[in-house]
Amino acid sequence: MIGPRTTFAVIGSIVAFVLIVAGIVIGGWQANWWFANSGTNHQAHINSSSYGAQESDLSLIATNMQAINGDEVDLRTAPAGLAQQIHTEILGDANNVCHYDTLLTGSVALDPQTAAFVKANCLGGSVSALSSLRNGT
């Protein structure tokens, strides 16, 4: 005859076994999601660092720099009513240049004029608060 202590010990062992198996299953499932996410993040980093992506970012920087140069010419000849709108466009294009510059990893190089622009006006992916572009000069 099995006593009450033995019955509780058997039931306790079964419950402990079920909890351990459930912990392993849930832990393995979570680990799978973690590893899958880690692999996806690694692949995204590789893709964004690829030469093609870098060339695309460099092209977007060049396009925005051309827009800034064109807008600066327009700003000098614009009537007073349009000056603020053109300045806003220049600031937007400059923010784009600063953002795309942060995406470059060194596999491509900026031309000297653009590098000087970035150094003088960009901080942390946007136009610096100390930039002369902030006050319209």
N, C-alpha and C. Protein backbone atom coordinates (compact mmCIF):
# COMPACT_ATOMS: atom_id res chain seq x y z
N MET A 1 0.84 -1.18 0.00
CA MET A 1 0.00 0.00 0.00
C MET A 1 0.89 1.24 0.00
N ILE A 2 0.49 2.18 -0.84
CA ILE A 2 1.26 3.41 -0.98
C ILE A 2 0.71 4.43 0.01
N GLY A 3 1.63 5.04 0.75
CA GLY A 3 1.22 6.02 1.75
C GLY A 3 1.02 7.40 1.14
N PRO A 4 0.45 8.33 1.93
CA PRO A 4 0.19 9.68 1.43
C PRO A 4 1.47 10.43 1.04
N ARG A 5 2.56 10.18 1.75
CA ARG A 5 3.82 10.85 1.42
C ARG A 5 4.32 10.39 0.07
N THR A 6 4.22 9.14 -0.21
CA THR A 6 4.68 8.61 -1.48
C THR A 6 3.82 9.14 -2.62
N THR A 7 2.52 9.24 -2.42
CA THR A 7 1.62 9.77 -3.45
C THR A 7 1.97 11.23 -3.75
N PHE A 8 2.18 12.02 -2.69
CA PHE A 8 2.55 13.41 -2.90
C PHE A 8 3.91 13.54 -3.58
N ALA A 9 4.81 12.67 -3.26
CA ALA A 9 6.14 12.70 -3.88
C ALA A 9 6.04 12.37 -5.37
N VAL A 10 5.22 11.39 -5.71
CA VAL A 10 5.05 11.02 -7.12
C VAL A 10 4.37 12.16 -7.88
N ILE A 11 3.30 12.71 -7.30
CA ILE A 11 2.60 13.82 -7.95
C ILE A 11 3.52 15.03 -8.07
N GLY A 12 4.28 15.32 -7.03
CA GLY A 12 5.23 16.43 -7.07
C GLY A 12 6.30 16.23 -8.13
N SER A 13 6.78 15.01 -8.27
CA SER A 13 7.78 14.70 -9.31
C SER A 13 7.20 14.89 -10.70
N ILE A 14 5.95 14.44 -10.89
CA ILE A 14 5.30 14.59 -12.20
C ILE A 14 5.09 16.07 -12.51
N VAL A 15 4.62 16.85 -11.54
CA VAL A 15 4.40 18.29 -11.75
C VAL A 15 5.73 18.98 -12.05
N ALA A 16 6.78 18.64 -11.32
CA ALA A 16 8.09 19.23 -11.56
C ALA A 16 8.59 18.88 -12.95
N PHE A 17 8.41 17.63 -13.36
CA PHE A 17 8.83 17.20 -14.70
C PHE A 17 8.08 17.98 -15.78
N VAL A 18 6.77 18.14 -15.62
CA VAL A 18 5.95 18.88 -16.60
C VAL A 18 6.41 20.34 -16.65
N LEU A 19 6.67 20.95 -15.50
CA LEU A 19 7.13 22.34 -15.48
C LEU A 19 8.50 22.49 -16.14
N ILE A 20 9.38 21.55 -15.90
CA ILE A 20 10.72 21.61 -16.52
C ILE A 20 10.61 21.47 -18.03
N VAL A 21 9.80 20.53 -18.49
CA VAL A 21 9.62 20.34 -19.94
C VAL A 21 8.99 21.58 -20.55
N ALA A 22 7.97 22.14 -19.88
CA ALA A 22 7.32 23.37 -20.39
C ALA A 22 8.34 24.51 -20.45
N GLY A 23 9.19 24.63 -19.44
CA GLY A 23 10.22 25.67 -19.44
C GLY A 23 11.20 25.52 -20.59
N ILE A 24 11.58 24.28 -20.85
CA ILE A 24 12.51 24.02 -21.96
C ILE A 24 11.85 24.35 -23.29
N VAL A 25 10.59 23.94 -23.45
CA VAL A 25 9.87 24.21 -24.71
C VAL A 25 9.71 25.72 -24.92
N ILE A 26 9.23 26.42 -23.91
CA ILE A 26 9.02 27.87 -24.04
C ILE A 26 10.36 28.58 -24.20
N GLY A 27 11.36 28.17 -23.44
CA GLY A 27 12.68 28.78 -23.57
C GLY A 27 13.27 28.56 -24.96
N GLY A 28 13.12 27.37 -25.50
CA GLY A 28 13.60 27.08 -26.86
C GLY A 28 12.86 27.90 -27.90
N TRP A 29 11.56 28.05 -27.72
CA TRP A 29 10.77 28.85 -28.65
C TRP A 29 11.22 30.30 -28.63
N GLN A 30 11.43 30.85 -27.43
CA GLN A 30 11.92 32.23 -27.31
C GLN A 30 13.32 32.38 -27.90
N ALA A 31 14.17 31.39 -27.64
CA ALA A 31 15.53 31.45 -28.19
C ALA A 31 15.49 31.43 -29.70
N ASN A 32 14.59 30.65 -30.28
CA ASN A 32 14.46 30.63 -31.74
C ASN A 32 14.10 32.01 -32.27
N TRP A 33 13.14 32.69 -31.61
CA TRP A 33 12.77 34.04 -32.04
C TRP A 33 13.95 34.99 -31.89
N TRP A 34 14.68 34.85 -30.81
CA TRP A 34 15.82 35.74 -30.59
C TRP A 34 16.89 35.53 -31.66
N PHE A 35 17.21 34.27 -31.96
CA PHE A 35 18.22 33.99 -32.98
C PHE A 35 17.75 34.44 -34.36
N ALA A 36 16.48 34.22 -34.66
CA ALA A 36 15.95 34.64 -35.96
C ALA A 36 16.02 36.15 -36.10
N ASN A 37 15.66 36.87 -35.04
CA ASN A 37 15.70 38.33 -35.06
C ASN A 37 17.14 38.83 -35.18
N SER A 38 18.03 38.19 -34.47
CA SER A 38 19.44 38.56 -34.54
C SER A 38 19.98 38.37 -35.95
N GLY A 39 19.62 37.28 -36.59
CA GLY A 39 20.04 37.02 -37.97
C GLY A 39 19.48 38.05 -38.94
N THR A 40 18.22 38.43 -38.73
CA THR A 40 17.59 39.43 -39.60
C THR A 40 18.28 40.78 -39.43
N ASN A 41 18.57 41.16 -38.18
CA ASN A 41 19.26 42.43 -37.94
C ASN A 41 20.65 42.43 -38.57
N HIS A 42 21.33 41.31 -38.48
CA HIS A 42 22.68 41.20 -39.06
C HIS A 42 22.60 41.34 -40.58
N GLN A 43 21.61 40.68 -41.20
CA GLN A 43 21.46 40.76 -42.65
C GLN A 43 21.10 42.18 -43.07
N ALA A 44 20.26 42.86 -42.30
CA ALA A 44 19.90 44.24 -42.63
C ALA A 44 21.12 45.14 -42.56
N HIS A 45 21.98 44.91 -41.56
CA HIS A 45 23.22 45.69 -41.45
C HIS A 45 24.12 45.44 -42.66
N ILE A 46 24.23 44.20 -43.07
CA ILE A 46 25.05 43.87 -44.24
C ILE A 46 24.48 44.55 -45.48
N ASN A 47 23.16 44.50 -45.65
CA ASN A 47 22.54 45.12 -46.82
C ASN A 47 22.74 46.63 -46.83
N SER A 48 22.59 47.29 -45.67
CA SER A 48 22.74 48.74 -45.64
C SER A 48 24.19 49.16 -45.77
N SER A 49 25.11 48.26 -45.51
CA SER A 49 26.53 48.57 -45.64
C SER A 49 27.10 48.17 -46.99
N SER A 50 26.28 47.59 -47.85
CA SER A 50 26.78 47.13 -49.13
C SER A 50 27.18 48.31 -50.02
N TYR A 51 28.04 48.03 -50.96
CA TYR A 51 28.54 49.08 -51.84
C TYR A 51 27.39 49.74 -52.62
N GLY A 52 26.44 48.94 -53.07
CA GLY A 52 25.31 49.48 -53.82
C GLY A 52 24.48 50.45 -52.99
N ALA A 53 24.22 50.08 -51.73
CA ALA A 53 23.46 50.97 -50.84
C ALA A 53 24.25 52.25 -50.57
N GLN A 54 25.56 52.12 -50.41
CA GLN A 54 26.40 53.29 -50.17
C GLN A 54 26.38 54.22 -51.38
N GLU A 55 26.45 53.64 -52.57
CA GLU A 55 26.41 54.45 -53.79
C GLU A 55 25.06 55.15 -53.92
N SER A 56 23.99 54.48 -53.54
CA SER A 56 22.67 55.09 -53.58
C SER A 56 22.59 56.27 -52.61
N ASP A 57 23.11 56.09 -51.39
CA ASP A 57 23.12 57.19 -50.42
C ASP A 57 23.97 58.35 -50.92
N LEU A 58 25.10 58.04 -51.54
CA LEU A 58 25.97 59.08 -52.09
C LEU A 58 25.27 59.85 -53.21
N SER A 59 24.51 59.14 -54.03
CA SER A 59 23.74 59.78 -55.09
C SER A 59 22.67 60.70 -54.51
N LEU A 60 22.00 60.26 -53.43
CA LEU A 60 20.99 61.11 -52.79
C LEU A 60 21.63 62.35 -52.17
N ILE A 61 22.82 62.21 -51.63
CA ILE A 61 23.54 63.37 -51.09
C ILE A 61 23.83 64.35 -52.21
N ALA A 62 24.32 63.85 -53.34
CA ALA A 62 24.66 64.72 -54.47
C ALA A 62 23.41 65.44 -54.98
N THR A 63 22.28 64.74 -55.05
CA THR A 63 21.04 65.34 -55.52
C THR A 63 20.60 66.47 -54.58
N ASN A 64 20.68 66.22 -53.28
CA ASN A 64 20.30 67.25 -52.31
C ASN A 64 21.27 68.42 -52.32
N MET A 65 22.55 68.16 -52.53
CA MET A 65 23.53 69.25 -52.62
C MET A 65 23.24 70.12 -53.84
N GLN A 66 22.87 69.51 -54.96
CA GLN A 66 22.52 70.28 -56.16
C GLN A 66 21.29 71.16 -55.88
N ALA A 67 20.33 70.58 -55.17
CA ALA A 67 19.13 71.36 -54.83
C ALA A 67 19.49 72.54 -53.93
N ILE A 68 20.38 72.31 -52.96
CA ILE A 68 20.81 73.40 -52.06
C ILE A 68 21.50 74.50 -52.87
N ASN A 69 22.40 74.11 -53.75
CA ASN A 69 23.12 75.11 -54.56
C ASN A 69 22.16 75.89 -55.43
N GLY A 70 21.19 75.22 -56.04
CA GLY A 70 20.20 75.90 -56.87
C GLY A 70 19.31 76.82 -56.05
N ASP A 71 18.91 76.35 -54.87
CA ASP A 71 18.06 77.17 -54.01
C ASP A 71 18.81 78.38 -53.47
N GLU A 72 20.11 78.25 -53.23
CA GLU A 72 20.88 79.40 -52.75
C GLU A 72 20.94 80.48 -53.83
N VAL A 73 21.04 80.08 -55.09
CA VAL A 73 21.00 81.06 -56.19
C VAL A 73 19.63 81.72 -56.23
N ASP A 74 18.57 80.89 -56.11
CA ASP A 74 17.21 81.44 -56.11
C ASP A 74 16.99 82.38 -54.93
N LEU A 75 17.58 82.07 -53.79
CA LEU A 75 17.40 82.88 -52.59
C LEU A 75 17.96 84.29 -52.78
N ARG A 76 19.06 84.40 -53.50
CA ARG A 76 19.68 85.71 -53.71
C ARG A 76 18.83 86.61 -54.62
N THR A 77 18.02 86.01 -55.46
CA THR A 77 17.23 86.79 -56.41
C THR A 77 15.73 86.76 -56.10
N ALA A 78 15.35 86.11 -55.03
CA ALA A 78 13.93 85.93 -54.73
C ALA A 78 13.32 87.18 -54.11
N PRO A 79 12.05 87.42 -54.42
CA PRO A 79 11.34 88.49 -53.72
C PRO A 79 11.18 88.12 -52.25
N ALA A 80 10.99 89.11 -51.43
CA ALA A 80 10.94 88.90 -49.98
C ALA A 80 9.92 87.85 -49.57
N GLY A 81 8.81 87.76 -50.24
CA GLY A 81 7.76 86.81 -49.88
C GLY A 81 8.17 85.35 -50.08
N LEU A 82 9.09 85.08 -50.99
CA LEU A 82 9.50 83.71 -51.25
C LEU A 82 10.77 83.31 -50.50
N ALA A 83 11.45 84.26 -49.93
CA ALA A 83 12.74 83.97 -49.29
C ALA A 83 12.60 82.94 -48.17
N GLN A 84 11.57 83.07 -47.33
CA GLN A 84 11.40 82.12 -46.23
C GLN A 84 11.11 80.72 -46.75
N GLN A 85 10.30 80.62 -47.79
CA GLN A 85 9.99 79.30 -48.36
C GLN A 85 11.25 78.66 -48.94
N ILE A 86 12.05 79.42 -49.64
CA ILE A 86 13.29 78.88 -50.22
C ILE A 86 14.25 78.48 -49.11
N HIS A 87 14.34 79.30 -48.06
CA HIS A 87 15.21 78.95 -46.94
C HIS A 87 14.76 77.65 -46.29
N THR A 88 13.45 77.44 -46.17
CA THR A 88 12.92 76.19 -45.61
C THR A 88 13.30 75.00 -46.49
N GLU A 89 13.25 75.19 -47.80
CA GLU A 89 13.65 74.11 -48.73
C GLU A 89 15.14 73.80 -48.56
N ILE A 90 15.96 74.83 -48.42
CA ILE A 90 17.40 74.63 -48.22
C ILE A 90 17.64 73.84 -46.93
N LEU A 91 16.94 74.20 -45.87
CA LEU A 91 17.10 73.51 -44.59
C LEU A 91 16.66 72.05 -44.69
N GLY A 92 15.58 71.79 -45.41
CA GLY A 92 15.13 70.41 -45.62
C GLY A 92 16.14 69.59 -46.40
N ASP A 93 16.66 70.16 -47.48
CA ASP A 93 17.68 69.46 -48.27
C ASP A 93 18.95 69.23 -47.45
N ALA A 94 19.31 70.20 -46.64
CA ALA A 94 20.51 70.06 -45.79
C ALA A 94 20.31 68.95 -44.76
N ASN A 95 19.11 68.85 -44.20
CA ASN A 95 18.81 67.75 -43.27
C ASN A 95 18.94 66.41 -43.97
N ASN A 96 18.51 66.33 -45.22
CA ASN A 96 18.66 65.08 -45.98
C ASN A 96 20.14 64.74 -46.17
N VAL A 97 20.94 65.73 -46.52
CA VAL A 97 22.38 65.50 -46.69
C VAL A 97 22.98 64.97 -45.39
N CYS A 98 22.63 65.61 -44.28
CA CYS A 98 23.17 65.18 -42.98
C CYS A 98 22.73 63.76 -42.64
N HIS A 99 21.48 63.44 -42.92
CA HIS A 99 20.98 62.09 -42.63
C HIS A 99 21.70 61.04 -43.46
N TYR A 100 21.76 61.27 -44.77
CA TYR A 100 22.40 60.26 -45.64
C TYR A 100 23.89 60.14 -45.36
N ASP A 101 24.51 61.22 -44.89
CA ASP A 101 25.93 61.13 -44.52
C ASP A 101 26.14 60.14 -43.37
N THR A 102 25.19 60.09 -42.43
CA THR A 102 25.35 59.16 -41.30
C THR A 102 25.22 57.71 -41.74
N LEU A 103 24.64 57.46 -42.91
CA LEU A 103 24.48 56.09 -43.40
C LEU A 103 25.72 55.57 -44.12
N LEU A 104 26.63 56.48 -44.47
CA LEU A 104 27.85 56.06 -45.16
C LEU A 104 28.80 55.40 -44.19
N THR A 105 29.42 54.30 -44.62
CA THR A 105 30.30 53.55 -43.72
C THR A 105 31.77 53.68 -44.08
N GLY A 106 32.10 54.39 -45.12
CA GLY A 106 33.50 54.56 -45.48
C GLY A 106 33.89 53.83 -46.75
N SER A 107 32.98 53.03 -47.31
CA SER A 107 33.33 52.35 -48.56
C SER A 107 33.24 53.30 -49.75
N VAL A 108 32.62 54.45 -49.54
CA VAL A 108 32.56 55.51 -50.55
C VAL A 108 32.97 56.82 -49.87
N ALA A 109 33.42 57.78 -50.64
CA ALA A 109 33.89 59.04 -50.07
C ALA A 109 33.10 60.21 -50.64
N LEU A 110 32.89 61.21 -49.82
CA LEU A 110 32.25 62.44 -50.26
C LEU A 110 33.26 63.29 -51.03
N ASP A 111 32.75 64.08 -51.97
CA ASP A 111 33.65 65.02 -52.63
C ASP A 111 34.02 66.10 -51.62
N PRO A 112 35.14 66.80 -51.84
CA PRO A 112 35.64 67.77 -50.83
C PRO A 112 34.62 68.86 -50.47
N GLN A 113 33.87 69.36 -51.44
CA GLN A 113 32.90 70.41 -51.15
C GLN A 113 31.79 69.89 -50.23
N THR A 114 31.30 68.69 -50.52
CA THR A 114 30.23 68.11 -49.70
C THR A 114 30.76 67.76 -48.31
N ALA A 115 31.98 67.24 -48.24
CA ALA A 115 32.58 66.91 -46.95
C ALA A 115 32.70 68.17 -46.09
N ALA A 116 33.10 69.28 -46.70
CA ALA A 116 33.21 70.55 -45.96
C ALA A 116 31.83 71.02 -45.50
N PHE A 117 30.81 70.85 -46.35
CA PHE A 117 29.44 71.22 -45.99
C PHE A 117 28.97 70.42 -44.78
N VAL A 118 29.20 69.11 -44.83
CA VAL A 118 28.79 68.22 -43.74
C VAL A 118 29.51 68.61 -42.45
N LYS A 119 30.79 68.85 -42.54
CA LYS A 119 31.58 69.21 -41.35
C LYS A 119 31.08 70.51 -40.74
N ALA A 120 30.70 71.47 -41.59
CA ALA A 120 30.29 72.78 -41.09
C ALA A 120 28.84 72.81 -40.60
N ASN A 121 27.99 71.92 -41.12
CA ASN A 121 26.56 72.08 -40.87
C ASN A 121 25.86 70.90 -40.19
N CYS A 122 26.48 69.73 -40.14
CA CYS A 122 25.77 68.54 -39.66
C CYS A 122 26.23 68.10 -38.28
N LEU A 123 25.28 67.58 -37.54
CA LEU A 123 25.58 66.99 -36.24
C LEU A 123 24.50 65.94 -35.94
N GLY A 124 24.93 64.69 -35.81
CA GLY A 124 24.00 63.62 -35.43
C GLY A 124 22.91 63.34 -36.44
N GLY A 125 23.18 63.54 -37.71
CA GLY A 125 22.21 63.20 -38.75
C GLY A 125 21.23 64.29 -39.11
N SER A 126 21.41 65.49 -38.56
CA SER A 126 20.56 66.62 -38.96
C SER A 126 21.39 67.91 -38.90
N VAL A 127 20.78 68.98 -39.33
CA VAL A 127 21.49 70.25 -39.34
C VAL A 127 21.73 70.69 -37.90
N SER A 128 22.95 71.02 -37.61
CA SER A 128 23.36 71.45 -36.27
C SER A 128 22.67 72.74 -35.88
N ALA A 129 22.40 72.88 -34.60
CA ALA A 129 21.81 74.13 -34.09
C ALA A 129 22.74 75.30 -34.29
N LEU A 130 24.05 75.03 -34.42
CA LEU A 130 25.05 76.09 -34.59
C LEU A 130 25.31 76.42 -36.06
N SER A 131 24.66 75.70 -36.97
CA SER A 131 24.89 75.92 -38.39
C SER A 131 24.38 77.28 -38.83
N SER A 132 25.11 77.87 -39.76
CA SER A 132 24.66 79.15 -40.32
C SER A 132 23.35 78.98 -41.10
N LEU A 133 23.03 77.75 -41.50
CA LEU A 133 21.76 77.51 -42.21
C LEU A 133 20.55 77.72 -41.31
N ARG A 134 20.75 77.60 -40.00
CA ARG A 134 19.63 77.75 -39.07
C ARG A 134 19.10 79.19 -39.03
N ASN A 135 19.99 80.15 -39.25
CA ASN A 135 19.53 81.55 -39.18
C ASN A 135 19.42 82.19 -40.56
N GLY A 136 19.51 81.37 -41.58
CA GLY A 136 19.27 81.88 -42.94
C GLY A 136 20.44 82.55 -43.61
N THR A 137 21.64 82.38 -43.09
CA THR A 137 22.79 83.02 -43.72
C THR A 137 23.57 82.04 -44.53
